[in-house]
Protein backbone atom coordinates (compact mmCIF):
# COMPACT_ATOMS: atom_id res chain seq x y z
CA THR A 1 67.12 -69.59 -103.33
CA LEU A 2 64.87 -66.76 -102.20
CA VAL A 3 64.48 -66.47 -98.44
CA GLY A 4 61.18 -65.14 -97.14
CA SER A 5 60.70 -62.71 -94.29
CA ASP A 6 59.32 -65.64 -92.30
CA GLY A 7 62.46 -67.74 -92.90
CA GLY A 8 60.98 -69.99 -95.59
CA ARG A 9 63.02 -70.82 -98.67
CA VAL A 10 61.91 -70.90 -102.31
CA ARG A 11 64.17 -72.42 -104.93
CA ALA A 12 64.25 -70.49 -108.17
CA VAL A 13 66.37 -70.12 -111.28
CA ARG A 14 67.85 -66.64 -111.09
CA TYR A 15 68.08 -66.26 -114.90
CA LEU A 16 64.40 -67.08 -115.32
CA LEU A 17 63.43 -64.49 -112.71
CA SER A 18 65.84 -62.01 -114.28
CA ALA A 19 64.20 -62.46 -117.67
CA ARG A 20 60.82 -61.45 -116.18
CA SER A 21 61.87 -58.45 -114.06
CA LYS A 22 64.43 -55.68 -114.49
CA VAL A 23 64.59 -55.32 -110.70
CA LEU A 24 65.31 -59.01 -110.24
CA GLU A 25 67.82 -58.87 -113.08
CA ARG A 26 69.76 -56.10 -111.34
CA LEU A 27 69.52 -57.92 -108.02
CA LEU A 28 70.29 -61.48 -109.11
CA VAL A 29 72.71 -61.13 -112.03
CA GLY A 30 73.82 -57.50 -111.78
CA SER A 31 76.45 -55.88 -109.61
CA PHE A 32 74.59 -56.27 -106.30
CA GLN A 33 76.18 -58.60 -103.76
CA GLU A 34 73.08 -60.83 -103.95
CA ALA A 35 74.20 -61.84 -107.44
CA THR A 36 77.00 -63.91 -105.91
CA ARG A 37 74.99 -65.37 -103.03
CA GLU A 38 73.16 -68.65 -103.07
CA ASP A 39 70.49 -67.37 -100.66
CA VAL A 40 68.84 -64.00 -101.30
CA ALA A 41 66.84 -62.49 -98.44
CA THR A 42 63.63 -60.65 -99.32
CA GLY A 43 61.09 -58.66 -97.36
CA TYR A 44 58.16 -60.86 -98.40
CA PRO A 45 56.60 -63.98 -96.86
CA THR A 46 57.37 -67.38 -98.37
CA ALA A 47 53.82 -67.82 -99.73
CA VAL A 48 54.19 -64.58 -101.69
CA LEU A 49 57.59 -65.64 -103.05
CA LYS A 50 56.17 -69.01 -104.14
CA ALA A 51 53.35 -67.25 -106.01
CA LEU A 52 55.81 -64.80 -107.58
CA VAL A 53 58.14 -67.59 -108.78
CA HIS A 54 55.17 -69.64 -109.99
CA PHE A 55 53.93 -66.66 -112.00
CA CYS A 56 57.39 -66.08 -113.52
CA CYS A 57 57.42 -69.71 -114.67
CA THR A 58 53.81 -70.08 -115.82
CA ASP A 59 52.07 -66.69 -116.18
CA ALA A 60 49.30 -68.22 -114.00
CA PRO A 61 47.34 -65.87 -111.75
CA PRO A 62 47.61 -66.32 -107.98
CA ASP A 63 45.40 -68.76 -106.11
CA MET A 64 43.80 -67.06 -103.12
CA THR A 65 43.03 -70.40 -101.51
CA GLN A 66 46.63 -71.64 -101.40
CA LEU A 67 46.85 -70.53 -97.77
CA GLY A 68 43.96 -72.68 -96.63
CA THR A 69 40.59 -71.44 -95.51
CA ASP A 70 41.37 -68.40 -93.33
CA PRO A 71 40.00 -65.42 -95.31
CA LEU A 72 42.03 -62.92 -93.29
CA GLU A 73 45.29 -64.69 -94.21
CA GLN A 74 44.11 -64.92 -97.82
CA VAL A 75 43.46 -61.19 -98.09
CA ARG A 76 46.81 -60.37 -96.47
CA PHE A 77 48.51 -62.74 -98.93
CA GLY A 78 46.78 -61.03 -101.87
CA VAL A 79 47.74 -57.55 -100.72
CA LYS A 80 51.37 -58.59 -100.08
CA LEU A 81 51.54 -60.25 -103.50
CA CYS A 82 50.32 -57.06 -105.19
CA GLU A 83 52.91 -55.10 -103.22
CA ALA A 84 55.73 -57.51 -104.19
CA ALA A 85 54.68 -57.49 -107.84
CA HIS A 86 54.87 -53.70 -107.85
CA TYR A 87 58.24 -53.69 -106.08
CA TYR A 88 59.77 -56.17 -108.53
CA GLU A 89 58.13 -54.39 -111.49
CA LEU A 90 56.07 -57.40 -112.52
CA GLU A 91 53.19 -55.32 -113.85
CA LYS A 92 51.30 -58.23 -115.40
CA LEU A 93 51.37 -60.09 -112.08
CA ARG A 94 50.28 -56.97 -110.18
CA LYS A 95 47.28 -56.50 -112.46
CA LYS A 96 46.30 -60.18 -112.30
CA ALA A 97 46.77 -60.31 -108.52
CA GLU A 98 44.66 -57.17 -108.02
CA GLU A 99 41.92 -58.58 -110.23
CA VAL A 100 41.94 -61.94 -108.44
CA LEU A 101 41.97 -60.26 -105.01
CA VAL A 102 39.05 -57.95 -105.73
CA ASN A 103 37.01 -60.68 -107.46
CA TRP A 104 37.70 -62.99 -104.53
CA GLY A 105 36.42 -60.30 -102.15
CA LEU A 106 33.29 -59.81 -104.25
CA THR A 107 32.69 -63.56 -104.36
CA LEU A 108 33.10 -63.72 -100.58
CA LEU A 109 30.53 -60.97 -100.11
CA GLU A 110 28.03 -62.48 -102.53
CA SER A 111 28.36 -65.96 -101.03
CA ASP A 112 25.95 -67.17 -98.37
CA THR A 113 28.47 -69.85 -97.38
CA SER A 114 30.86 -67.45 -95.64
CA PRO A 115 28.87 -65.66 -92.93
CA GLY A 116 30.99 -63.71 -90.49
CA HIS A 117 33.91 -63.32 -92.90
CA ASP A 118 32.71 -60.05 -94.38
CA TYR A 119 35.12 -58.09 -92.18
CA VAL A 120 38.04 -59.24 -94.34
CA ILE A 121 37.01 -56.67 -96.94
CA CYS A 122 37.65 -54.01 -94.30
CA ALA A 123 40.98 -55.71 -93.57
CA GLY A 124 41.95 -55.60 -97.26
CA PHE A 125 40.95 -51.94 -97.38
CA ASP A 126 43.06 -51.26 -94.28
CA GLU A 127 46.07 -53.34 -95.43
CA SER A 128 46.24 -51.49 -98.75
CA ALA A 129 45.57 -47.99 -97.37
CA ASP A 130 49.18 -47.04 -96.61
CA VAL A 131 50.74 -48.51 -99.75
CA PRO A 132 50.65 -45.95 -102.60
CA SER A 133 51.24 -48.63 -105.24
CA LEU A 134 48.05 -50.40 -104.12
CA ARG A 135 45.71 -47.50 -104.77
CA GLY A 136 43.65 -49.65 -107.16
CA VAL A 137 43.12 -52.31 -104.48
CA TYR A 138 42.29 -49.64 -101.91
CA VAL A 139 39.72 -48.00 -104.18
CA SER A 140 38.20 -51.35 -105.19
CA PHE A 141 37.82 -52.52 -101.59
CA GLY A 142 36.38 -49.11 -100.70
CA ALA A 143 33.79 -49.56 -103.44
CA LEU A 144 32.92 -53.03 -102.10
CA ILE A 145 32.52 -51.60 -98.60
CA ARG A 146 30.19 -48.89 -99.91
CA GLN A 147 28.21 -51.42 -101.92
CA TYR A 148 27.94 -53.93 -99.07
CA CYS A 149 28.22 -51.59 -96.08
CA ASP A 150 25.53 -53.44 -94.11
CA ARG A 151 27.61 -56.66 -94.33
CA CYS A 152 31.12 -55.21 -94.05
CA LEU A 153 30.69 -52.60 -91.38
CA LEU A 154 27.78 -54.00 -89.42
CA SER A 155 28.80 -57.65 -89.39
CA PRO A 156 27.86 -59.15 -85.99
CA GLY A 157 31.21 -60.92 -85.58
CA CYS A 158 33.25 -57.94 -86.69
CA ASP A 159 35.87 -56.65 -84.29
CA LEU A 160 37.34 -53.73 -86.20
CA HIS A 161 39.82 -53.07 -83.40
CA GLY A 162 41.21 -56.60 -83.64
CA VAL A 163 41.69 -56.58 -87.41
C-alpha cells in the first residue's frame, strides 16, 4: 500500500510497479527497508499515486478532471504527476502527463465556457518553475502565456498574489 503525503492510501501490487520502474523496483523489492513494509510512505498526494498506479496497470494517460471541477487543483495535480513520473523514472507517463496537462491548458484558454479560470495557466507556469525536471511544462505554459497574454495576465478575476 502506498501512502500519500496527505495520508491517503493506494493499494498496489509491488511486483507490478517494480516491473514498470527501476526506482520502484529498488524501493519495493530491493534492499531498502520499504521492501519489507506493508505501507510505503511517499512524498506525493493520493490522487497522484492513484494516477501513477493506474498508469502502471493500464498505460492510460491521466485524467485532468478526476479531481472535480477546480482548475487550480487540476493544474497542481498535473504538475505533481509529471514530477512523480520523473522521480520514479516513468518516462512514458511523464511525457503523456505533460502532453495532457499542456493540451488541457490550451483547451481551457480556447474555451468560452471557463471565463475567469485563465489564471491557472500562470499557476501551472509558477508551479513548474522551480522543478528542473519540468522544464518542458514550464516552457509550454510560458508559450501559452505569451500567446494568450491578454487572458492570462490581464484576467479581471486574477489575483496573482493569491495563486
